[in-house]
Structures are given as C-alpha cells and as structure tokens.
Amino acid sequence: MPVWLRWQPPKLHADEEAREAKVTSVDLFYDLIFAVVVAQLATGLSADLTAHGFIVFVVLFVAVVRIWSSETFYSDHFETLDVSYRISVFVAMLPAGGLAVAA
C-alpha cells in the first residue's frame, strides 16, 4: 500500500533529523489561498486610507497570519503525508477560502 494511503498518527519530526523539506502542491495551494486573503485585505485598506481602515486591516491581518502560521507550524513538525493529513489540510482550506471570498 502506498505511503499516502496509510493512516498514520502524527509523529514529531526531531530537529536533529537530517530530512529534506518537501513542498507539495497541496502546501503551495494552501499558501496561495492565504496570499489571496492578504491581497484582498490590502485592497480593502487601499479603499479606506483612514485610521479606522488601518486598524481594521491590522486586526484582520494579524488573525489571518495567526491562522496561517499555526497550520504551517503543525505541518512542519507533524506532517505525515497520509490520508488524515491531506484531509485535515483540505478541511482547513475551506474556512481560508471563505476568508478570501469575504475579504
């Protein structure tokens, strides 16, 4: 059975392990969704160049970066490249895509 079809529990990757970071197309698509969210937030800021518009941008930007960095931290330390990880990434993409549409 291929590795990506197995269901594996998350395993912490030790920093001393010499493993190469492999970027998958799923990771790139996930990052692209957040790039679109940030672009939409920047468009909203350019339309409202007041102190209120800046505060709204900063609050939303911090929330978006927090969501992105949390998932990135988890995937860097616990990625298993199996079905459960891929399902969790796609489930996390749904609210991120909603952010991109709503922003």
PDB file of N, CA and C in Angstrom:
ATOM      1  N   MET A   1       0.849  -1.188   0.000  1.00  0.00           N
ATOM      2  CA  MET A   1       0.000   0.000   0.000  1.00  0.00           C
ATOM      3  C   MET A   1       0.891   1.246   0.000  1.00  0.00           C
ATOM      4  N   PRO A   2       0.606   2.213  -0.869  1.00  0.00           N
ATOM      5  CA  PRO A   2       1.423   3.440  -0.907  1.00  0.00           C
ATOM      6  C   PRO A   2       1.369   4.188   0.428  1.00  0.00           C
ATOM      7  N   VAL A   3       2.426   4.940   0.704  1.00  0.00           N
ATOM      8  CA  VAL A   3       2.531   5.666   1.972  1.00  0.00           C
ATOM      9  C   VAL A   3       1.389   6.655   2.149  1.00  0.00           C
ATOM     10  N   TRP A   4       0.992   7.329   1.070  1.00  0.00           N
ATOM     11  CA  TRP A   4      -0.028   8.372   1.199  1.00  0.00           C
ATOM     12  C   TRP A   4      -1.407   7.802   1.464  1.00  0.00           C
ATOM     13  N   LEU A   5      -1.604   6.496   1.297  1.00  0.00           N
ATOM     14  CA  LEU A   5      -2.902   5.886   1.586  1.00  0.00           C
ATOM     15  C   LEU A   5      -3.000   5.354   3.014  1.00  0.00           C
ATOM     16  N   ARG A   6      -1.883   5.205   3.684  1.00  0.00           N
ATOM     17  CA  ARG A   6      -1.901   4.703   5.061  1.00  0.00           C
ATOM     18  C   ARG A   6      -2.365   5.778   6.023  1.00  0.00           C
ATOM     19  N   TRP A   7      -3.028   5.346   7.071  1.00  0.00           N
ATOM     20  CA  TRP A   7      -3.486   6.259   8.118  1.00  0.00           C
ATOM     21  C   TRP A   7      -2.486   6.174   9.249  1.00  0.00           C
ATOM     22  N   GLN A   8      -1.719   7.243   9.490  1.00  0.00           N
ATOM     23  CA  GLN A   8      -0.663   7.227  10.483  1.00  0.00           C
ATOM     24  C   GLN A   8      -0.928   8.292  11.540  1.00  0.00           C
ATOM     25  N   PRO A   9      -0.580   8.009  12.793  1.00  0.00           N
ATOM     26  CA  PRO A   9      -0.698   9.071  13.803  1.00  0.00           C
ATOM     27  C   PRO A   9       0.396  10.111  13.580  1.00  0.00           C
ATOM     28  N   PRO A  10       0.142  11.363  13.952  1.00  0.00           N
ATOM     29  CA  PRO A  10       1.183  12.386  13.793  1.00  0.00           C
ATOM     30  C   PRO A  10       2.416  12.037  14.614  1.00  0.00           C
ATOM     31  N   LYS A  11       3.581  12.256  14.060  1.00  0.00           N
ATOM     32  CA  LYS A  11       4.841  11.966  14.729  1.00  0.00           C
ATOM     33  C   LYS A  11       5.705  13.209  14.659  1.00  0.00           C
ATOM     34  N   LEU A  12       6.220  13.615  15.798  1.00  0.00           N
ATOM     35  CA  LEU A  12       7.059  14.807  15.859  1.00  0.00           C
ATOM     36  C   LEU A  12       8.369  14.549  15.130  1.00  0.00           C
ATOM     37  N   HIS A  13       8.693  15.425  14.190  1.00  0.00           N
ATOM     38  CA  HIS A  13       9.962  15.331  13.488  1.00  0.00           C
ATOM     39  C   HIS A  13      11.015  16.042  14.330  1.00  0.00           C
ATOM     40  N   ALA A  14      12.012  15.308  14.768  1.00  0.00           N
ATOM     41  CA  ALA A  14      13.075  15.906  15.583  1.00  0.00           C
ATOM     42  C   ALA A  14      13.913  16.842  14.724  1.00  0.00           C
ATOM     43  N   ASP A  15      14.350  17.940  15.329  1.00  0.00           N
ATOM     44  CA  ASP A  15      15.146  18.913  14.588  1.00  0.00           C
ATOM     45  C   ASP A  15      16.494  18.345  14.156  1.00  0.00           C
ATOM     46  N   GLU A  16      16.999  17.378  14.928  1.00  0.00           N
ATOM     47  CA  GLU A  16      18.304  16.851  14.558  1.00  0.00           C
ATOM     48  C   GLU A  16      18.244  15.889  13.386  1.00  0.00           C
ATOM     49  N   GLU A  17      17.072  15.425  13.050  1.00  0.00           N
ATOM     50  CA  GLU A  17      16.965  14.536  11.898  1.00  0.00           C
ATOM     51  C   GLU A  17      17.338  15.299  10.626  1.00  0.00           C
ATOM     52  N   ALA A  18      18.116  14.657   9.810  1.00  0.00           N
ATOM     53  CA  ALA A  18      18.509  15.282   8.541  1.00  0.00           C
ATOM     54  C   ALA A  18      17.490  14.881   7.484  1.00  0.00           C
ATOM     55  N   ARG A  19      16.413  15.632   7.412  1.00  0.00           N
ATOM     56  CA  ARG A  19      15.400  15.343   6.413  1.00  0.00           C
ATOM     57  C   ARG A  19      15.229  16.577   5.544  1.00  0.00           C
ATOM     58  N   GLU A  20      14.969  16.330   4.306  1.00  0.00           N
ATOM     59  CA  GLU A  20      14.767  17.429   3.383  1.00  0.00           C
ATOM     60  C   GLU A  20      13.326  17.897   3.466  1.00  0.00           C
ATOM     61  N   ALA A  21      13.132  19.188   3.402  1.00  0.00           N
ATOM     62  CA  ALA A  21      11.786  19.747   3.386  1.00  0.00           C
ATOM     63  C   ALA A  21      11.219  19.571   1.989  1.00  0.00           C
ATOM     64  N   LYS A  22      10.118  18.858   1.902  1.00  0.00           N
ATOM     65  CA  LYS A  22       9.480  18.624   0.611  1.00  0.00           C
ATOM     66  C   LYS A  22       8.203  19.439   0.541  1.00  0.00           C
ATOM     67  N   VAL A  23       8.139  20.308  -0.419  1.00  0.00           N
ATOM     68  CA  VAL A  23       6.956  21.143  -0.604  1.00  0.00           C
ATOM     69  C   VAL A  23       6.049  20.443  -1.615  1.00  0.00           C
ATOM     70  N   THR A  24       4.813  20.207  -1.197  1.00  0.00           N
ATOM     71  CA  THR A  24       3.865  19.548  -2.085  1.00  0.00           C
ATOM     72  C   THR A  24       2.963  20.583  -2.738  1.00  0.00           C
ATOM     73  N   SER A  25       2.235  20.157  -3.734  1.00  0.00           N
ATOM     74  CA  SER A  25       1.304  21.070  -4.400  1.00  0.00           C
ATOM     75  C   SER A  25       0.171  21.478  -3.468  1.00  0.00           C
ATOM     76  N   VAL A  26      -0.175  20.619  -2.516  1.00  0.00           N
ATOM     77  CA  VAL A  26      -1.201  20.963  -1.530  1.00  0.00           C
ATOM     78  C   VAL A  26      -0.721  22.123  -0.664  1.00  0.00           C
ATOM     79  N   ASP A  27       0.533  22.075  -0.231  1.00  0.00           N
ATOM     80  CA  ASP A  27       1.099  23.163   0.566  1.00  0.00           C
ATOM     81  C   ASP A  27       1.121  24.472  -0.216  1.00  0.00           C
ATOM     82  N   LEU A  28       1.497  24.401  -1.466  1.00  0.00           N
ATOM     83  CA  LEU A  28       1.549  25.609  -2.291  1.00  0.00           C
ATOM     84  C   LEU A  28       0.159  26.196  -2.518  1.00  0.00           C
ATOM     85  N   PHE A  29      -0.834  25.339  -2.723  1.00  0.00           N
ATOM     86  CA  PHE A  29      -2.200  25.816  -2.915  1.00  0.00           C
ATOM     87  C   PHE A  29      -2.719  26.453  -1.635  1.00  0.00           C
ATOM     88  N   TYR A  30      -2.409  25.859  -0.487  1.00  0.00           N
ATOM     89  CA  TYR A  30      -2.812  26.417   0.807  1.00  0.00           C
ATOM     90  C   TYR A  30      -2.196  27.809   0.996  1.00  0.00           C
ATOM     91  N   ASP A  31      -0.915  27.950   0.666  1.00  0.00           N
ATOM     92  CA  ASP A  31      -0.262  29.258   0.769  1.00  0.00           C
ATOM     93  C   ASP A  31      -0.853  30.260  -0.212  1.00  0.00           C
ATOM     94  N   LEU A  32      -1.230  29.798  -1.386  1.00  0.00           N
ATOM     95  CA  LEU A  32      -1.839  30.676  -2.379  1.00  0.00           C
ATOM     96  C   LEU A  32      -3.164  31.237  -1.884  1.00  0.00           C
ATOM     97  N   ILE A  33      -3.941  30.424  -1.194  1.00  0.00           N
ATOM     98  CA  ILE A  33      -5.212  30.904  -0.636  1.00  0.00           C
ATOM     99  C   ILE A  33      -4.950  32.046   0.327  1.00  0.00           C
ATOM    100  N   PHE A  34      -3.949  31.911   1.179  1.00  0.00           N
ATOM    101  CA  PHE A  34      -3.652  32.993   2.128  1.00  0.00           C
ATOM    102  C   PHE A  34      -3.055  34.209   1.433  1.00  0.00           C
ATOM    103  N   ALA A  35      -2.338  34.022   0.354  1.00  0.00           N
ATOM    104  CA  ALA A  35      -1.848  35.169  -0.422  1.00  0.00           C
ATOM    105  C   ALA A  35      -3.020  35.954  -0.997  1.00  0.00           C
ATOM    106  N   VAL A  36      -4.060  35.257  -1.435  1.00  0.00           N
ATOM    107  CA  VAL A  36      -5.258  35.932  -1.950  1.00  0.00           C
ATOM    108  C   VAL A  36      -5.966  36.680  -0.830  1.00  0.00           C
ATOM    109  N   VAL A  37      -6.029  36.087   0.362  1.00  0.00           N
ATOM    110  CA  VAL A  37      -6.655  36.769   1.502  1.00  0.00           C
ATOM    111  C   VAL A  37      -5.914  38.061   1.816  1.00  0.00           C
ATOM    112  N   VAL A  38      -4.591  38.003   1.863  1.00  0.00           N
ATOM    113  CA  VAL A  38      -3.807  39.212   2.159  1.00  0.00           C
ATOM    114  C   VAL A  38      -3.979  40.246   1.051  1.00  0.00           C
ATOM    115  N   ALA A  39      -4.041  39.812  -0.191  1.00  0.00           N
ATOM    116  CA  ALA A  39      -4.264  40.750  -1.296  1.00  0.00           C
ATOM    117  C   ALA A  39      -5.629  41.421  -1.172  1.00  0.00           C
ATOM    118  N   GLN A  40      -6.644  40.669  -0.791  1.00  0.00           N
ATOM    119  CA  GLN A  40      -7.977  41.241  -0.609  1.00  0.00           C
ATOM    120  C   GLN A  40      -7.994  42.227   0.565  1.00  0.00           C
ATOM    121  N   LEU A  41      -7.288  41.889   1.637  1.00  0.00           N
ATOM    122  CA  LEU A  41      -7.204  42.826   2.765  1.00  0.00           C
ATOM    123  C   LEU A  41      -6.488  44.106   2.352  1.00  0.00           C
ATOM    124  N   ALA A  42      -5.432  43.986   1.560  1.00  0.00           N
ATOM    125  CA  ALA A  42      -4.710  45.173   1.086  1.00  0.00           C
ATOM    126  C   ALA A  42      -5.582  46.019   0.173  1.00  0.00           C
ATOM    127  N   THR A  43      -6.416  45.371  -0.623  1.00  0.00           N
ATOM    128  CA  THR A  43      -7.345  46.113  -1.480  1.00  0.00           C
ATOM    129  C   THR A  43      -8.341  46.896  -0.627  1.00  0.00           C
ATOM    130  N   GLY A  44      -8.824  46.268   0.438  1.00  0.00           N
ATOM    131  CA  GLY A  44      -9.733  46.970   1.354  1.00  0.00           C
ATOM    132  C   GLY A  44      -9.061  48.143   2.040  1.00  0.00           C
ATOM    133  N   LEU A  45      -7.794  47.984   2.388  1.00  0.00           N
ATOM    134  CA  LEU A  45      -7.059  49.089   3.013  1.00  0.00           C
ATOM    135  C   LEU A  45      -6.845  50.226   2.025  1.00  0.00           C
ATOM    136  N   SER A  46      -6.550  49.910   0.779  1.00  0.00           N
ATOM    137  CA  SER A  46      -6.327  50.978  -0.200  1.00  0.00           C
ATOM    138  C   SER A  46      -7.605  51.756  -0.498  1.00  0.00           C
ATOM    139  N   ALA A  47      -8.756  51.108  -0.273  1.00  0.00           N
ATOM    140  CA  ALA A  47     -10.027  51.803  -0.490  1.00  0.00           C
ATOM    141  C   ALA A  47     -10.402  52.687   0.699  1.00  0.00           C
ATOM    142  N   ASP A  48      -9.843  52.405   1.887  1.00  0.00           N
ATOM    143  CA  ASP A  48     -10.172  53.163   3.098  1.00  0.00           C
ATOM    144  C   ASP A  48      -8.878  53.536   3.817  1.00  0.00           C
ATOM    145  N   LEU A  49      -8.271  54.649   3.412  1.00  0.00           N
ATOM    146  CA  LEU A  49      -6.992  55.075   3.976  1.00  0.00           C
ATOM    147  C   LEU A  49      -7.167  55.988   5.182  1.00  0.00           C
ATOM    148  N   THR A  50      -7.999  55.562   6.112  1.00  0.00           N
ATOM    149  CA  THR A  50      -8.197  56.303   7.353  1.00  0.00           C
ATOM    150  C   THR A  50      -7.615  55.491   8.498  1.00  0.00           C
ATOM    151  N   ALA A  51      -7.611  56.074   9.691  1.00  0.00           N
ATOM    152  CA  ALA A  51      -7.133  55.349  10.865  1.00  0.00           C
ATOM    153  C   ALA A  51      -8.012  54.127  11.131  1.00  0.00           C
ATOM    154  N   HIS A  52      -9.318  54.278  10.946  1.00  0.00           N
ATOM    155  CA  HIS A  52     -10.227  53.148  11.144  1.00  0.00           C
ATOM    156  C   HIS A  52      -9.931  52.029  10.147  1.00  0.00           C
ATOM    157  N   GLY A  53      -9.703  52.371   8.885  1.00  0.00           N
ATOM    158  CA  GLY A  53      -9.380  51.370   7.868  1.00  0.00           C
ATOM    159  C   GLY A  53      -8.077  50.650   8.177  1.00  0.00           C
ATOM    160  N   PHE A  54      -7.103  51.395   8.705  1.00  0.00           N
ATOM    161  CA  PHE A  54      -5.825  50.791   9.067  1.00  0.00           C
ATOM    162  C   PHE A  54      -5.977  49.837  10.242  1.00  0.00           C
ATOM    163  N   ILE A  55      -6.756  50.228  11.247  1.00  0.00           N
ATOM    164  CA  ILE A  55      -6.976  49.364  12.412  1.00  0.00           C
ATOM    165  C   ILE A  55      -7.704  48.085  12.005  1.00  0.00           C
ATOM    166  N   VAL A  56      -8.699  48.219  11.158  1.00  0.00           N
ATOM    167  CA  VAL A  56      -9.418  47.028  10.666  1.00  0.00           C
ATOM    168  C   VAL A  56      -8.464  46.117   9.904  1.00  0.00           C
ATOM    169  N   PHE A  57      -7.618  46.702   9.061  1.00  0.00           N
ATOM    170  CA  PHE A  57      -6.647  45.908   8.307  1.00  0.00           C
ATOM    171  C   PHE A  57      -5.695  45.171   9.242  1.00  0.00           C
ATOM    172  N   VAL A  58      -5.157  45.859  10.236  1.00  0.00           N
ATOM    173  CA  VAL A  58      -4.194  45.245  11.149  1.00  0.00           C
ATOM    174  C   VAL A  58      -4.831  44.096  11.933  1.00  0.00           C
ATOM    175  N   VAL A  59      -6.043  44.300  12.436  1.00  0.00           N
ATOM    176  CA  VAL A  59      -6.720  43.253  13.202  1.00  0.00           C
ATOM    177  C   VAL A  59      -6.968  42.019  12.328  1.00  0.00           C
ATOM    178  N   LEU A  60      -7.470  42.230  11.123  1.00  0.00           N
ATOM    179  CA  LEU A  60      -7.738  41.104  10.233  1.00  0.00           C
ATOM    180  C   LEU A  60      -6.446  40.446   9.743  1.00  0.00           C
ATOM    181  N   PHE A  61      -5.426  41.256   9.475  1.00  0.00           N
ATOM    182  CA  PHE A  61      -4.156  40.712   9.023  1.00  0.00           C
ATOM    183  C   PHE A  61      -3.509  39.851  10.099  1.00  0.00           C
ATOM    184  N   VAL A  62      -3.533  40.309  11.335  1.00  0.00           N
ATOM    185  CA  VAL A  62      -2.963  39.523  12.439  1.00  0.00           C
ATOM    186  C   VAL A  62      -3.713  38.202  12.596  1.00  0.00           C
ATOM    187  N   ALA A  63      -5.024  38.222  12.470  1.00  0.00           N
ATOM    188  CA  ALA A  63      -5.806  36.987  12.566  1.00  0.00           C
ATOM    189  C   ALA A  63      -5.450  36.016  11.438  1.00  0.00           C
ATOM    190  N   VAL A  64      -5.335  36.520  10.236  1.00  0.00           N
ATOM    191  CA  VAL A  64      -5.009  35.670   9.081  1.00  0.00           C
ATOM    192  C   VAL A  64      -3.605  35.085   9.220  1.00  0.00           C
ATOM    193  N   VAL A  65      -2.643  35.901   9.611  1.00  0.00           N
ATOM    194  CA  VAL A  65      -1.270  35.410   9.770  1.00  0.00           C
ATOM    195  C   VAL A  65      -1.194  34.389  10.897  1.00  0.00           C
ATOM    196  N   ARG A  66      -1.970  34.582  11.940  1.00  0.00           N
ATOM    197  CA  ARG A  66      -2.002  33.615  13.045  1.00  0.00           C
ATOM    198  C   ARG A  66      -2.539  32.263  12.578  1.00  0.00           C
ATOM    199  N   ILE A  67      -3.593  32.269  11.797  1.00  0.00           N
ATOM    200  CA  ILE A  67      -4.152  31.022  11.262  1.00  0.00           C
ATOM    201  C   ILE A  67      -3.139  30.336  10.350  1.00  0.00           C
ATOM    202  N   TRP A  68      -2.533  31.104   9.457  1.00  0.00           N
ATOM    203  CA  TRP A  68      -1.566  30.527   8.526  1.00  0.00           C
ATOM    204  C   TRP A  68      -0.351  29.969   9.252  1.00  0.00           C
ATOM    205  N   SER A  69       0.190  30.719  10.209  1.00  0.00           N
ATOM    206  CA  SER A  69       1.401  30.271  10.903  1.00  0.00           C
ATOM    207  C   SER A  69       1.129  29.055  11.782  1.00  0.00           C
ATOM    208  N   SER A  70      -0.066  28.959  12.355  1.00  0.00           N
ATOM    209  CA  SER A  70      -0.396  27.784  13.167  1.00  0.00           C
ATOM    210  C   SER A  70      -0.401  26.517  12.326  1.00  0.00           C
ATOM    211  N   GLU A  71      -1.024  26.567  11.160  1.00  0.00           N
ATOM    212  CA  GLU A  71      -1.062  25.391  10.302  1.00  0.00           C
ATOM    213  C   GLU A  71       0.324  25.075   9.753  1.00  0.00           C
ATOM    214  N   THR A  72       1.085  26.087   9.419  1.00  0.00           N
ATOM    215  CA  THR A  72       2.431  25.877   8.903  1.00  0.00           C
ATOM    216  C   THR A  72       3.326  25.253   9.969  1.00  0.00           C
ATOM    217  N   PHE A  73       3.218  25.733  11.199  1.00  0.00           N
ATOM    218  CA  PHE A  73       3.994  25.164  12.304  1.00  0.00           C
ATOM    219  C   PHE A  73       3.635  23.693  12.495  1.00  0.00           C
ATOM    220  N   TYR A  74       2.338  23.392  12.484  1.00  0.00           N
ATOM    221  CA  TYR A  74       1.911  21.998  12.658  1.00  0.00           C
ATOM    222  C   TYR A  74       2.431  21.121  11.525  1.00  0.00           C
ATOM    223  N   SER A  75       2.293  21.578  10.304  1.00  0.00           N
ATOM    224  CA  SER A  75       2.721  20.740   9.178  1.00  0.00           C
ATOM    225  C   SER A  75       4.237  20.560   9.147  1.00  0.00           C
ATOM    226  N   ASP A  76       4.992  21.560   9.594  1.00  0.00           N
ATOM    227  CA  ASP A  76       6.446  21.414   9.637  1.00  0.00           C
ATOM    228  C   ASP A  76       6.893  20.398  10.688  1.00  0.00           C
ATOM    229  N   HIS A  77       6.149  20.295  11.768  1.00  0.00           N
ATOM    230  CA  HIS A  77       6.561  19.416  12.864  1.00  0.00           C
ATOM    231  C   HIS A  77       5.873  18.056  12.889  1.00  0.00           C
ATOM    232  N   PHE A  78       4.670  17.943  12.322  1.00  0.00           N
ATOM    233  CA  PHE A  78       3.920  16.707  12.451  1.00  0.00           C
ATOM    234  C   PHE A  78       3.424  16.132  11.129  1.00  0.00           C
ATOM    235  N   GLU A  79       3.864  16.645  10.011  1.00  0.00           N
ATOM    236  CA  GLU A  79       3.359  16.191   8.724  1.00  0.00           C
ATOM    237  C   GLU A  79       3.650  14.709   8.521  1.00  0.00           C
ATOM    238  N   THR A  80       2.621  13.969   8.077  1.00  0.00           N
ATOM    239  CA  THR A  80       2.786  12.538   7.844  1.00  0.00           C
ATOM    240  C   THR A  80       2.570  12.155   6.389  1.00  0.00           C
ATOM    241  N   LEU A  81       2.035  13.029   5.573  1.00  0.00           N
ATOM    242  CA  LEU A  81       1.763  12.780   4.160  1.00  0.00           C
ATOM    243  C   LEU A  81       0.878  11.560   3.946  1.00  0.00           C
ATOM    244  N   ASP A  82      -0.089  11.370   4.813  1.00  0.00           N
ATOM    245  CA  ASP A  82      -1.039  10.283   4.639  1.00  0.00           C
ATOM    246  C   ASP A  82      -2.432  10.870   4.433  1.00  0.00           C
ATOM    247  N   VAL A  83      -3.425  10.026   4.410  1.00  0.00           N
ATOM    248  CA  VAL A  83      -4.798  10.456   4.126  1.00  0.00           C
ATOM    249  C   VAL A  83      -5.304  11.432   5.187  1.00  0.00           C
ATOM    250  N   SER A  84      -5.030  11.158   6.461  1.00  0.00           N
ATOM    251  CA  SER A  84      -5.546  12.030   7.524  1.00  0.00           C
ATOM    252  C   SER A  84      -4.979  13.438   7.417  1.00  0.00           C
ATOM    253  N   TYR A  85      -3.696  13.571   7.086  1.00  0.00           N
ATOM    254  CA  TYR A  85      -3.096  14.891   6.955  1.00  0.00           C
ATOM    255  C   TYR A  85      -3.686  15.640   5.759  1.00  0.00           C
ATOM    256  N   ARG A  86      -3.825  14.949   4.635  1.00  0.00           N
ATOM    257  CA  ARG A  86      -4.374  15.598   3.448  1.00  0.00           C
ATOM    258  C   ARG A  86      -5.820  16.022   3.664  1.00  0.00           C
ATOM    259  N   ILE A  87      -6.606  15.203   4.344  1.00  0.00           N
ATOM    260  CA  ILE A  87      -7.995  15.576   4.645  1.00  0.00           C
ATOM    261  C   ILE A  87      -8.026  16.788   5.553  1.00  0.00           C
ATOM    262  N   SER A  88      -7.162  16.814   6.581  1.00  0.00           N
ATOM    263  CA  SER A  88      -7.157  17.956   7.504  1.00  0.00           C
ATOM    264  C   SER A  88      -6.739  19.248   6.803  1.00  0.00           C
ATOM    265  N   VAL A  89      -5.806  19.160   5.857  1.00  0.00           N
ATOM    266  CA  VAL A  89      -5.395  20.359   5.110  1.00  0.00           C
ATOM    267  C   VAL A  89      -6.539  20.859   4.238  1.00  0.00           C
ATOM    268  N   PHE A  90      -7.229  19.944   3.565  1.00  0.00           N
ATOM    269  CA  PHE A  90      -8.356  20.369   2.723  1.00  0.00           C
ATOM    270  C   PHE A  90      -9.497  20.929   3.559  1.00  0.00           C
ATOM    271  N   VAL A  91      -9.723  20.373   4.754  1.00  0.00           N
ATOM    272  CA  VAL A  91     -10.751  20.921   5.641  1.00  0.00           C
ATOM    273  C   VAL A  91     -10.344  22.320   6.117  1.00  0.00           C
ATOM    274  N   ALA A  92      -9.056  22.523   6.372  1.00  0.00           N
ATOM    275  CA  ALA A  92      -8.577  23.847   6.778  1.00  0.00           C
ATOM    276  C   ALA A  92      -8.636  24.849   5.637  1.00  0.00           C
ATOM    277  N   MET A  93      -8.601  24.369   4.396  1.00  0.00           N
ATOM    278  CA  MET A  93      -8.686  25.268   3.244  1.00  0.00           C
ATOM    279  C   MET A  93     -10.062  25.879   3.081  1.00  0.00           C
ATOM    280  N   LEU A  94     -11.094  25.205   3.549  1.00  0.00           N
ATOM    281  CA  LEU A  94     -12.453  25.721   3.387  1.00  0.00           C
ATOM    282  C   LEU A  94     -12.665  27.050   4.090  1.00  0.00           C
ATOM    283  N   PRO A  95     -12.372  27.166   5.408  1.00  0.00           N
ATOM    284  CA  PRO A  95     -12.519  28.495   6.016  1.00  0.00           C
ATOM    285  C   PRO A  95     -11.537  29.524   5.455  1.00  0.00           C
ATOM    286  N   ALA A  96     -10.340  29.069   5.056  1.00  0.00           N
ATOM    287  CA  ALA A  96      -9.382  30.012   4.452  1.00  0.00           C
ATOM    288  C   ALA A  96      -9.909  30.535   3.140  1.00  0.00           C
ATOM    289  N   GLY A  97     -10.534  29.680   2.351  1.00  0.00           N
ATOM    290  CA  GLY A  97     -11.158  30.138   1.120  1.00  0.00           C
ATOM    291  C   GLY A  97     -12.325  31.062   1.394  1.00  0.00           C
ATOM    292  N   GLY A  98     -13.064  30.790   2.472  1.00  0.00           N
ATOM    293  CA  GLY A  98     -14.145  31.687   2.888  1.00  0.00           C
ATOM    294  C   GLY A  98     -13.619  33.055   3.269  1.00  0.00           C
ATOM    295  N   LEU A  99     -12.456  33.081   3.925  1.00  0.00           N
ATOM    296  CA  LEU A  99     -11.821  34.361   4.251  1.00  0.00           C
ATOM    297  C   LEU A  99     -11.478  35.128   2.972  1.00  0.00           C
ATOM    298  N   ALA A 100     -10.966  34.404   1.983  1.00  0.00           N
ATOM    299  CA  ALA A 100     -10.587  35.069   0.737  1.00  0.00           C
ATOM    300  C   ALA A 100     -11.803  35.665   0.038  1.00  0.00           C
ATOM    301  N   VAL A 101     -12.911  34.946   0.068  1.00  0.00           N
ATOM    302  CA  VAL A 101     -14.128  35.448  -0.572  1.00  0.00           C
ATOM    303  C   VAL A 101     -14.724  36.605   0.218  1.00  0.00           C
ATOM    304  N   ALA A 102     -14.737  36.496   1.550  1.00  0.00           N
ATOM    305  CA  ALA A 102     -15.356  37.518   2.390  1.00  0.00           C
ATOM    306  C   ALA A 102     -14.525  38.797   2.459  1.00  0.00           C
ATOM    307  N   ALA A 103     -13.214  38.660   2.363  1.00  0.00           N
ATOM    308  CA  ALA A 103     -12.361  39.851   2.469  1.00  0.00           C
ATOM    309  C   ALA A 103     -12.511  40.685   1.224  1.00  0.00           C
TER     310      ALA A 103
END
